């Protein structure tokens, strides 16, 4: 089995389905939730509420194909979304 891919998310995957989900502690408010409908033993798996998990799970059938053509590549993996220019600005006195 492959490891989870933390450099990508499932955003844009053809198998991810958006459903409405009740907000915790509320009877009337709803938020978006995401489910994976890829064929296999994890079909219907909850992939996050309000936003997707920050990784592609190891059991993803697209990862297991080994093509490297799955999910959405993160803009700045490992940098928490900060570019080098932003980090340099923040480090200035």
PDB file of N, CA and C in Angstrom:
ATOM      1  N   UNK A   1       0.845  -1.190   0.000  1.00  0.00           N
ATOM      2  CA  UNK A   1       0.000   0.000   0.000  1.00  0.00           C
ATOM      3  C   UNK A   1       0.881   1.241   0.000  1.00  0.00           C
ATOM      4  N   UNK A   2       0.443   2.250  -0.705  1.00  0.00           N
ATOM      5  CA  UNK A   2       1.151   3.530  -0.768  1.00  0.00           C
ATOM      6  C   UNK A   2       0.899   4.334   0.501  1.00  0.00           C
ATOM      7  N   UNK A   3       1.681   5.381   0.686  1.00  0.00           N
ATOM      8  CA  UNK A   3       1.487   6.307   1.804  1.00  0.00           C
ATOM      9  C   UNK A   3       0.572   7.440   1.350  1.00  0.00           C
ATOM     10  N   UNK A   4      -0.020   8.120   2.308  1.00  0.00           N
ATOM     11  CA  UNK A   4      -0.839   9.297   1.988  1.00  0.00           C
ATOM     12  C   UNK A   4       0.033  10.346   1.302  1.00  0.00           C
ATOM     13  N   UNK A   5      -0.566  11.092   0.394  1.00  0.00           N
ATOM     14  CA  UNK A   5       0.170  12.124  -0.339  1.00  0.00           C
ATOM     15  C   UNK A   5      -0.192  13.493   0.226  1.00  0.00           C
ATOM     16  N   UNK A   6       0.724  14.055   1.011  1.00  0.00           N
ATOM     17  CA  UNK A   6       0.489  15.338   1.664  1.00  0.00           C
ATOM     18  C   UNK A   6       0.785  16.521   0.740  1.00  0.00           C
ATOM     19  N   UNK A   7       1.275  16.269  -0.469  1.00  0.00           N
ATOM     20  CA  UNK A   7       1.547  17.366  -1.396  1.00  0.00           C
ATOM     21  C   UNK A   7       0.338  17.685  -2.265  1.00  0.00           C
ATOM     22  N   UNK A   8      -0.750  16.935  -2.090  1.00  0.00           N
ATOM     23  CA  UNK A   8      -1.961  17.128  -2.881  1.00  0.00           C
ATOM     24  C   UNK A   8      -3.203  17.056  -2.002  1.00  0.00           C
ATOM     25  N   UNK A   9      -4.323  17.534  -2.546  1.00  0.00           N
ATOM     26  CA  UNK A   9      -5.629  17.354  -1.904  1.00  0.00           C
ATOM     27  C   UNK A   9      -6.553  16.677  -2.911  1.00  0.00           C
ATOM     28  N   UNK A  10      -7.716  16.281  -2.469  1.00  0.00           N
ATOM     29  CA  UNK A  10      -8.690  15.622  -3.351  1.00  0.00           C
ATOM     30  C   UNK A  10      -9.527  16.628  -4.144  1.00  0.00           C
ATOM     31  N   UNK A  11      -9.256  17.914  -3.981  1.00  0.00           N
ATOM     32  CA  UNK A  11     -10.014  18.941  -4.690  1.00  0.00           C
ATOM     33  C   UNK A  11      -9.954  18.690  -6.195  1.00  0.00           C
ATOM     34  N   UNK A  12     -11.107  18.680  -6.833  1.00  0.00           N
ATOM     35  CA  UNK A  12     -11.171  18.466  -8.269  1.00  0.00           C
ATOM     36  C   UNK A  12     -11.248  17.017  -8.696  1.00  0.00           C
ATOM     37  N   UNK A  13     -11.160  16.109  -7.746  1.00  0.00           N
ATOM     38  CA  UNK A  13     -11.253  14.685  -8.088  1.00  0.00           C
ATOM     39  C   UNK A  13     -12.665  14.361  -8.571  1.00  0.00           C
ATOM     40  N   UNK A  14     -12.749  13.553  -9.601  1.00  0.00           N
ATOM     41  CA  UNK A  14     -14.063  13.207 -10.165  1.00  0.00           C
ATOM     42  C   UNK A  14     -14.914  12.377  -9.211  1.00  0.00           C
ATOM     43  N   UNK A  15     -14.308  11.762  -8.200  1.00  0.00           N
ATOM     44  CA  UNK A  15     -15.056  10.923  -7.274  1.00  0.00           C
ATOM     45  C   UNK A  15     -15.586  11.670  -6.050  1.00  0.00           C
ATOM     46  N   UNK A  16     -15.104  12.868  -5.798  1.00  0.00           N
ATOM     47  CA  UNK A  16     -15.528  13.615  -4.606  1.00  0.00           C
ATOM     48  C   UNK A  16     -16.910  14.220  -4.845  1.00  0.00           C
ATOM     49  N   UNK A  17     -17.803  13.955  -3.918  1.00  0.00           N
ATOM     50  CA  UNK A  17     -19.180  14.445  -4.000  1.00  0.00           C
ATOM     51  C   UNK A  17     -19.433  15.390  -2.828  1.00  0.00           C
ATOM     52  N   UNK A  18     -20.062  16.521  -3.114  1.00  0.00           N
ATOM     53  CA  UNK A  18     -20.401  17.493  -2.080  1.00  0.00           C
ATOM     54  C   UNK A  18     -21.828  17.242  -1.615  1.00  0.00           C
ATOM     55  N   UNK A  19     -22.013  17.137  -0.302  1.00  0.00           N
ATOM     56  CA  UNK A  19     -23.341  16.942   0.287  1.00  0.00           C
ATOM     57  C   UNK A  19     -23.534  17.961   1.402  1.00  0.00           C
ATOM     58  N   UNK A  20     -24.767  18.235   1.744  1.00  0.00           N
ATOM     59  CA  UNK A  20     -25.033  19.149   2.859  1.00  0.00           C
ATOM     60  C   UNK A  20     -25.009  18.365   4.165  1.00  0.00           C
ATOM     61  N   UNK A  21     -24.439  18.970   5.199  1.00  0.00           N
ATOM     62  CA  UNK A  21     -24.192  18.305   6.471  1.00  0.00           C
ATOM     63  C   UNK A  21     -24.639  19.235   7.592  1.00  0.00           C
ATOM     64  N   UNK A  22     -25.316  18.719   8.621  1.00  0.00           N
ATOM     65  CA  UNK A  22     -25.741  19.599   9.722  1.00  0.00           C
ATOM     66  C   UNK A  22     -24.550  20.135  10.520  1.00  0.00           C
ATOM     67  N   UNK A  23     -24.632  21.400  10.883  1.00  0.00           N
ATOM     68  CA  UNK A  23     -23.587  22.016  11.707  1.00  0.00           C
ATOM     69  C   UNK A  23     -23.761  21.504  13.131  1.00  0.00           C
ATOM     70  N   UNK A  24     -22.655  21.126  13.767  1.00  0.00           N
ATOM     71  CA  UNK A  24     -22.707  20.588  15.128  1.00  0.00           C
ATOM     72  C   UNK A  24     -23.381  21.580  16.071  1.00  0.00           C
ATOM     73  N   UNK A  25     -24.373  21.119  16.805  1.00  0.00           N
ATOM     74  CA  UNK A  25     -25.075  21.944  17.767  1.00  0.00           C
ATOM     75  C   UNK A  25     -26.190  22.784  17.182  1.00  0.00           C
ATOM     76  N   UNK A  26     -26.502  22.606  15.899  1.00  0.00           N
ATOM     77  CA  UNK A  26     -27.557  23.391  15.268  1.00  0.00           C
ATOM     78  C   UNK A  26     -28.545  22.464  14.595  1.00  0.00           C
ATOM     79  N   UNK A  27     -29.816  22.823  14.700  1.00  0.00           N
ATOM     80  CA  UNK A  27     -30.846  22.024  14.036  1.00  0.00           C
ATOM     81  C   UNK A  27     -31.235  22.596  12.679  1.00  0.00           C
ATOM     82  N   UNK A  28     -30.784  23.820  12.389  1.00  0.00           N
ATOM     83  CA  UNK A  28     -31.214  24.447  11.146  1.00  0.00           C
ATOM     84  C   UNK A  28     -30.072  24.789  10.185  1.00  0.00           C
ATOM     85  N   UNK A  29     -28.868  24.957  10.679  1.00  0.00           N
ATOM     86  CA  UNK A  29     -27.755  25.343   9.814  1.00  0.00           C
ATOM     87  C   UNK A  29     -27.107  24.110   9.197  1.00  0.00           C
ATOM     88  N   UNK A  30     -26.648  24.295   7.970  1.00  0.00           N
ATOM     89  CA  UNK A  30     -25.945  23.220   7.288  1.00  0.00           C
ATOM     90  C   UNK A  30     -24.663  23.756   6.658  1.00  0.00           C
ATOM     91  N   UNK A  31     -23.715  22.885   6.441  1.00  0.00           N
ATOM     92  CA  UNK A  31     -22.469  23.225   5.776  1.00  0.00           C
ATOM     93  C   UNK A  31     -22.163  22.142   4.746  1.00  0.00           C
ATOM     94  N   UNK A  32     -21.199  22.407   3.900  1.00  0.00           N
ATOM     95  CA  UNK A  32     -20.821  21.408   2.911  1.00  0.00           C
ATOM     96  C   UNK A  32     -19.952  20.337   3.543  1.00  0.00           C
ATOM     97  N   UNK A  33     -20.157  19.116   3.104  1.00  0.00           N
ATOM     98  CA  UNK A  33     -19.309  17.996   3.501  1.00  0.00           C
ATOM     99  C   UNK A  33     -18.922  17.259   2.230  1.00  0.00           C
ATOM    100  N   UNK A  34     -17.844  16.502   2.303  1.00  0.00           N
ATOM    101  CA  UNK A  34     -17.317  15.832   1.119  1.00  0.00           C
ATOM    102  C   UNK A  34     -17.225  14.340   1.360  1.00  0.00           C
ATOM    103  N   UNK A  35     -17.640  13.571   0.357  1.00  0.00           N
ATOM    104  CA  UNK A  35     -17.572  12.116   0.409  1.00  0.00           C
ATOM    105  C   UNK A  35     -16.856  11.604  -0.824  1.00  0.00           C
ATOM    106  N   UNK A  36     -16.070  10.551  -0.639  1.00  0.00           N
ATOM    107  CA  UNK A  36     -15.373   9.916  -1.755  1.00  0.00           C
ATOM    108  C   UNK A  36     -16.243   8.782  -2.281  1.00  0.00           C
ATOM    109  N   UNK A  37     -16.581   8.842  -3.550  1.00  0.00           N
ATOM    110  CA  UNK A  37     -17.396   7.794  -4.157  1.00  0.00           C
ATOM    111  C   UNK A  37     -16.598   6.950  -5.145  1.00  0.00           C
ATOM    112  N   UNK A  38     -15.294   6.872  -4.938  1.00  0.00           N
ATOM    113  CA  UNK A  38     -14.465   6.010  -5.779  1.00  0.00           C
ATOM    114  C   UNK A  38     -14.846   4.558  -5.497  1.00  0.00           C
ATOM    115  N   UNK A  39     -14.868   3.726  -6.520  1.00  0.00           N
ATOM    116  CA  UNK A  39     -15.219   2.328  -6.297  1.00  0.00           C
ATOM    117  C   UNK A  39     -14.198   1.643  -5.396  1.00  0.00           C
ATOM    118  N   UNK A  40     -14.679   0.779  -4.535  1.00  0.00           N
ATOM    119  CA  UNK A  40     -13.786   0.042  -3.646  1.00  0.00           C
ATOM    120  C   UNK A  40     -14.307   0.026  -2.224  1.00  0.00           C
ATOM    121  N   UNK A  41     -13.517  -0.485  -1.304  1.00  0.00           N
ATOM    122  CA  UNK A  41     -13.962  -0.657   0.076  1.00  0.00           C
ATOM    123  C   UNK A  41     -14.196   0.641   0.844  1.00  0.00           C
ATOM    124  N   UNK A  42     -13.667   1.758   0.369  1.00  0.00           N
ATOM    125  CA  UNK A  42     -13.829   3.039   1.076  1.00  0.00           C
ATOM    126  C   UNK A  42     -14.871   3.940   0.422  1.00  0.00           C
ATOM    127  N   UNK A  43     -15.672   3.402  -0.456  1.00  0.00           N
ATOM    128  CA  UNK A  43     -16.693   4.199  -1.137  1.00  0.00           C
ATOM    129  C   UNK A  43     -17.645   4.798  -0.102  1.00  0.00           C
ATOM    130  N   UNK A  44     -17.889   6.112  -0.216  1.00  0.00           N
ATOM    131  CA  UNK A  44     -18.751   6.815   0.721  1.00  0.00           C
ATOM    132  C   UNK A  44     -18.008   7.406   1.907  1.00  0.00           C
ATOM    133  N   UNK A  45     -16.691   7.256   1.961  1.00  0.00           N
ATOM    134  CA  UNK A  45     -15.891   7.750   3.075  1.00  0.00           C
ATOM    135  C   UNK A  45     -16.015   9.264   3.197  1.00  0.00           C
ATOM    136  N   UNK A  46     -16.174   9.745   4.423  1.00  0.00           N
ATOM    137  CA  UNK A  46     -16.280  11.182   4.714  1.00  0.00           C
ATOM    138  C   UNK A  46     -14.890  11.805   4.587  1.00  0.00           C
ATOM    139  N   UNK A  47     -14.750  12.781   3.674  1.00  0.00           N
ATOM    140  CA  UNK A  47     -13.452  13.383   3.372  1.00  0.00           C
ATOM    141  C   UNK A  47     -13.276  14.777   3.964  1.00  0.00           C
ATOM    142  N   UNK A  48     -14.190  15.198   4.812  1.00  0.00           N
ATOM    143  CA  UNK A  48     -14.048  16.494   5.452  1.00  0.00           C
ATOM    144  C   UNK A  48     -15.354  17.268   5.480  1.00  0.00           C
ATOM    145  N   UNK A  49     -15.486  18.144   6.456  1.00  0.00           N
ATOM    146  CA  UNK A  49     -16.645  19.020   6.584  1.00  0.00           C
ATOM    147  C   UNK A  49     -16.158  20.448   6.404  1.00  0.00           C
ATOM    148  N   UNK A  50     -16.821  21.201   5.585  1.00  0.00           N
ATOM    149  CA  UNK A  50     -16.502  22.581   5.222  1.00  0.00           C
ATOM    150  C   UNK A  50     -15.292  22.652   4.277  1.00  0.00           C
ATOM    151  N   UNK A  51     -14.266  21.867   4.499  1.00  0.00           N
ATOM    152  CA  UNK A  51     -13.130  21.794   3.573  1.00  0.00           C
ATOM    153  C   UNK A  51     -12.607  20.349   3.540  1.00  0.00           C
ATOM    154  N   UNK A  52     -11.938  20.044   2.450  1.00  0.00           N
ATOM    155  CA  UNK A  52     -11.391  18.697   2.277  1.00  0.00           C
ATOM    156  C   UNK A  52     -10.194  18.455   3.179  1.00  0.00           C
ATOM    157  N   UNK A  53      -9.913  17.179   3.426  1.00  0.00           N
ATOM    158  CA  UNK A  53      -8.688  16.826   4.145  1.00  0.00           C
ATOM    159  C   UNK A  53      -7.495  17.445   3.429  1.00  0.00           C
ATOM    160  N   UNK A  54      -6.425  17.766   4.158  1.00  0.00           N
ATOM    161  CA  UNK A  54      -5.257  18.396   3.522  1.00  0.00           C
ATOM    162  C   UNK A  54      -4.312  17.396   2.857  1.00  0.00           C
ATOM    163  N   UNK A  55      -4.802  16.216   2.526  1.00  0.00           N
ATOM    164  CA  UNK A  55      -3.981  15.179   1.897  1.00  0.00           C
ATOM    165  C   UNK A  55      -4.863  14.246   1.082  1.00  0.00           C
ATOM    166  N   UNK A  56      -4.231  13.407   0.270  1.00  0.00           N
ATOM    167  CA  UNK A  56      -4.938  12.348  -0.443  1.00  0.00           C
ATOM    168  C   UNK A  56      -4.642  11.066   0.324  1.00  0.00           C
ATOM    169  N   UNK A  57      -5.685  10.347   0.793  1.00  0.00           N
ATOM    170  CA  UNK A  57      -5.466   9.139   1.594  1.00  0.00           C
ATOM    171  C   UNK A  57      -4.715   8.048   0.828  1.00  0.00           C
ATOM    172  N   UNK A  58      -4.001   7.226   1.560  1.00  0.00           N
ATOM    173  CA  UNK A  58      -3.211   6.151   0.962  1.00  0.00           C
ATOM    174  C   UNK A  58      -4.067   5.140   0.210  1.00  0.00           C
ATOM    175  N   UNK A  59      -5.318   4.977   0.621  1.00  0.00           N
ATOM    176  CA  UNK A  59      -6.180   3.987  -0.030  1.00  0.00           C
ATOM    177  C   UNK A  59      -6.825   4.489  -1.312  1.00  0.00           C
ATOM    178  N   UNK A  60      -6.550   5.710  -1.714  1.00  0.00           N
ATOM    179  CA  UNK A  60      -7.148   6.287  -2.911  1.00  0.00           C
ATOM    180  C   UNK A  60      -6.847   5.411  -4.135  1.00  0.00           C
ATOM    181  N   UNK A  61      -7.877   4.992  -4.881  1.00  0.00           N
ATOM    182  CA  UNK A  61      -7.634   4.164  -6.058  1.00  0.00           C
ATOM    183  C   UNK A  61      -6.836   4.896  -7.140  1.00  0.00           C
ATOM    184  N   UNK A  62      -6.911   6.225  -7.163  1.00  0.00           N
ATOM    185  CA  UNK A  62      -6.136   6.991  -8.146  1.00  0.00           C
ATOM    186  C   UNK A  62      -4.638   6.935  -7.813  1.00  0.00           C
ATOM    187  N   UNK A  63      -4.281   6.954  -6.528  1.00  0.00           N
ATOM    188  CA  UNK A  63      -2.872   6.810  -6.126  1.00  0.00           C
ATOM    189  C   UNK A  63      -2.391   5.411  -6.509  1.00  0.00           C
ATOM    190  N   UNK A  64      -3.224   4.419  -6.242  1.00  0.00           N
ATOM    191  CA  UNK A  64      -2.820   3.042  -6.480  1.00  0.00           C
ATOM    192  C   UNK A  64      -2.642   2.716  -7.960  1.00  0.00           C
ATOM    193  N   UNK A  65      -3.233   3.519  -8.841  1.00  0.00           N
ATOM    194  CA  UNK A  65      -2.993   3.335 -10.276  1.00  0.00           C
ATOM    195  C   UNK A  65      -1.547   3.663 -10.617  1.00  0.00           C
ATOM    196  N   UNK A  66      -0.942   4.575  -9.835  1.00  0.00           N
ATOM    197  CA  UNK A  66       0.457   4.921 -10.027  1.00  0.00           C
ATOM    198  C   UNK A  66       0.737   5.885 -11.175  1.00  0.00           C
ATOM    199  N   UNK A  67      -0.283   6.564 -11.685  1.00  0.00           N
ATOM    200  CA  UNK A  67      -0.073   7.468 -12.817  1.00  0.00           C
ATOM    201  C   UNK A  67       0.384   8.854 -12.374  1.00  0.00           C
ATOM    202  N   UNK A  68       0.132   9.215 -11.122  1.00  0.00           N
ATOM    203  CA  UNK A  68       0.487  10.550 -10.640  1.00  0.00           C
ATOM    204  C   UNK A  68      -0.496  11.621 -11.081  1.00  0.00           C
ATOM    205  N   UNK A  69      -1.600  11.200 -11.669  1.00  0.00           N
ATOM    206  CA  UNK A  69      -2.613  12.127 -12.171  1.00  0.00           C
ATOM    207  C   UNK A  69      -3.860  12.057 -11.286  1.00  0.00           C
ATOM    208  N   UNK A  70      -3.760  12.621 -10.106  1.00  0.00           N
ATOM    209  CA  UNK A  70      -4.876  12.584  -9.162  1.00  0.00           C
ATOM    210  C   UNK A  70      -4.857  13.832  -8.297  1.00  0.00           C
ATOM    211  N   UNK A  71      -6.024  14.241  -7.816  1.00  0.00           N
ATOM    212  CA  UNK A  71      -6.135  15.377  -6.917  1.00  0.00           C
ATOM    213  C   UNK A  71      -5.572  16.671  -7.485  1.00  0.00           C
ATOM    214  N   UNK A  72      -5.398  17.638  -6.593  1.00  0.00           N
ATOM    215  CA  UNK A  72      -4.869  18.944  -6.956  1.00  0.00           C
ATOM    216  C   UNK A  72      -3.573  19.170  -6.200  1.00  0.00           C
ATOM    217  N   UNK A  73      -2.514  19.471  -6.924  1.00  0.00           N
ATOM    218  CA  UNK A  73      -1.222  19.739  -6.300  1.00  0.00           C
ATOM    219  C   UNK A  73      -1.320  21.027  -5.506  1.00  0.00           C
ATOM    220  N   UNK A  74      -0.811  21.014  -4.275  1.00  0.00           N
ATOM    221  CA  UNK A  74      -0.826  22.213  -3.446  1.00  0.00           C
ATOM    222  C   UNK A  74       0.145  23.241  -4.012  1.00  0.00           C
ATOM    223  N   UNK A  75      -0.166  24.504  -3.797  1.00  0.00           N
ATOM    224  CA  UNK A  75       0.658  25.580  -4.344  1.00  0.00           C
ATOM    225  C   UNK A  75       2.059  25.589  -3.739  1.00  0.00           C
ATOM    226  N   UNK A  76       2.157  25.402  -2.439  1.00  0.00           N
ATOM    227  CA  UNK A  76       3.450  25.486  -1.757  1.00  0.00           C
ATOM    228  C   UNK A  76       3.541  24.370  -0.722  1.00  0.00           C
ATOM    229  N   UNK A  77       3.748  23.127  -1.140  1.00  0.00           N
ATOM    230  CA  UNK A  77       3.783  22.030  -0.172  1.00  0.00           C
ATOM    231  C   UNK A  77       4.855  22.233   0.893  1.00  0.00           C
ATOM    232  N   UNK A  78       4.481  22.019   2.121  1.00  0.00           N
ATOM    233  CA  UNK A  78       5.431  22.125   3.223  1.00  0.00           C
ATOM    234  C   UNK A  78       5.670  23.523   3.726  1.00  0.00           C
ATOM    235  N   UNK A  79       5.090  24.537   3.088  1.00  0.00           N
ATOM    236  CA  UNK A  79       5.366  25.910   3.516  1.00  0.00           C
ATOM    237  C   UNK A  79       4.146  26.567   4.145  1.00  0.00           C
ATOM    238  N   UNK A  80       3.085  25.796   4.357  1.00  0.00           N
ATOM    239  CA  UNK A  80       1.855  26.295   4.956  1.00  0.00           C
ATOM    240  C   UNK A  80       1.265  27.448   4.158  1.00  0.00           C
ATOM    241  N   UNK A  81       1.459  27.417   2.843  1.00  0.00           N
ATOM    242  CA  UNK A  81       0.865  28.419   1.966  1.00  0.00           C
ATOM    243  C   UNK A  81       1.631  29.724   1.871  1.00  0.00           C
ATOM    244  N   UNK A  82       2.778  29.811   2.509  1.00  0.00           N
ATOM    245  CA  UNK A  82       3.554  31.046   2.466  1.00  0.00           C
ATOM    246  C   UNK A  82       4.609  30.959   1.369  1.00  0.00           C
ATOM    247  N   UNK A  83       4.704  31.989   0.573  1.00  0.00           N
ATOM    248  CA  UNK A  83       5.754  32.036  -0.437  1.00  0.00           C
ATOM    249  C   UNK A  83       7.045  32.504   0.200  1.00  0.00           C
ATOM    250  N   UNK A  84       8.138  32.339  -0.503  1.00  0.00           N
ATOM    251  CA  UNK A  84       9.438  32.777   0.010  1.00  0.00           C
ATOM    252  C   UNK A  84       9.429  34.284   0.270  1.00  0.00           C
ATOM    253  N   UNK A  85       8.788  35.063  -0.600  1.00  0.00           N
ATOM    254  CA  UNK A  85       8.739  36.517  -0.432  1.00  0.00           C
ATOM    255  C   UNK A  85       7.990  36.897   0.841  1.00  0.00           C
ATOM    256  N   UNK A  86       6.892  36.215   1.123  1.00  0.00           N
ATOM    257  CA  UNK A  86       6.112  36.506   2.337  1.00  0.00           C
ATOM    258  C   UNK A  86       6.928  36.154   3.570  1.00  0.00           C
ATOM    259  N   UNK A  87       7.591  35.008   3.541  1.00  0.00           N
ATOM    260  CA  UNK A  87       8.410  34.620   4.698  1.00  0.00           C
ATOM    261  C   UNK A  87       9.543  35.621   4.927  1.00  0.00           C
ATOM    262  N   UNK A  88      10.137  36.139   3.864  1.00  0.00           N
ATOM    263  CA  UNK A  88      11.214  37.133   4.004  1.00  0.00           C
ATOM    264  C   UNK A  88      10.676  38.425   4.595  1.00  0.00           C
ATOM    265  N   UNK A  89       9.473  38.847   4.176  1.00  0.00           N
ATOM    266  CA  UNK A  89       8.852  40.064   4.715  1.00  0.00           C
ATOM    267  C   UNK A  89       8.568  39.904   6.205  1.00  0.00           C
ATOM    268  N   UNK A  90       8.074  38.746   6.605  1.00  0.00           N
ATOM    269  CA  UNK A  90       7.714  38.530   8.006  1.00  0.00           C
ATOM    270  C   UNK A  90       8.943  38.474   8.907  1.00  0.00           C
ATOM    271  N   UNK A  91      10.077  38.090   8.343  1.00  0.00           N
ATOM    272  CA  UNK A  91      11.288  37.960   9.172  1.00  0.00           C
ATOM    273  C   UNK A  91      12.032  39.289   9.329  1.00  0.00           C
ATOM    274  N   UNK A  92      11.609  40.326   8.614  1.00  0.00           N
ATOM    275  CA  UNK A  92      12.268  41.631   8.739  1.00  0.00           C
ATOM    276  C   UNK A  92      11.896  42.281  10.074  1.00  0.00           C
ATOM    277  N   UNK A  93      12.859  42.966  10.692  1.00  0.00           N
ATOM    278  CA  UNK A  93      12.557  43.614  11.984  1.00  0.00           C
ATOM    279  C   UNK A  93      11.661  44.822  11.838  1.00  0.00           C
TER     280      UNK A  93
END
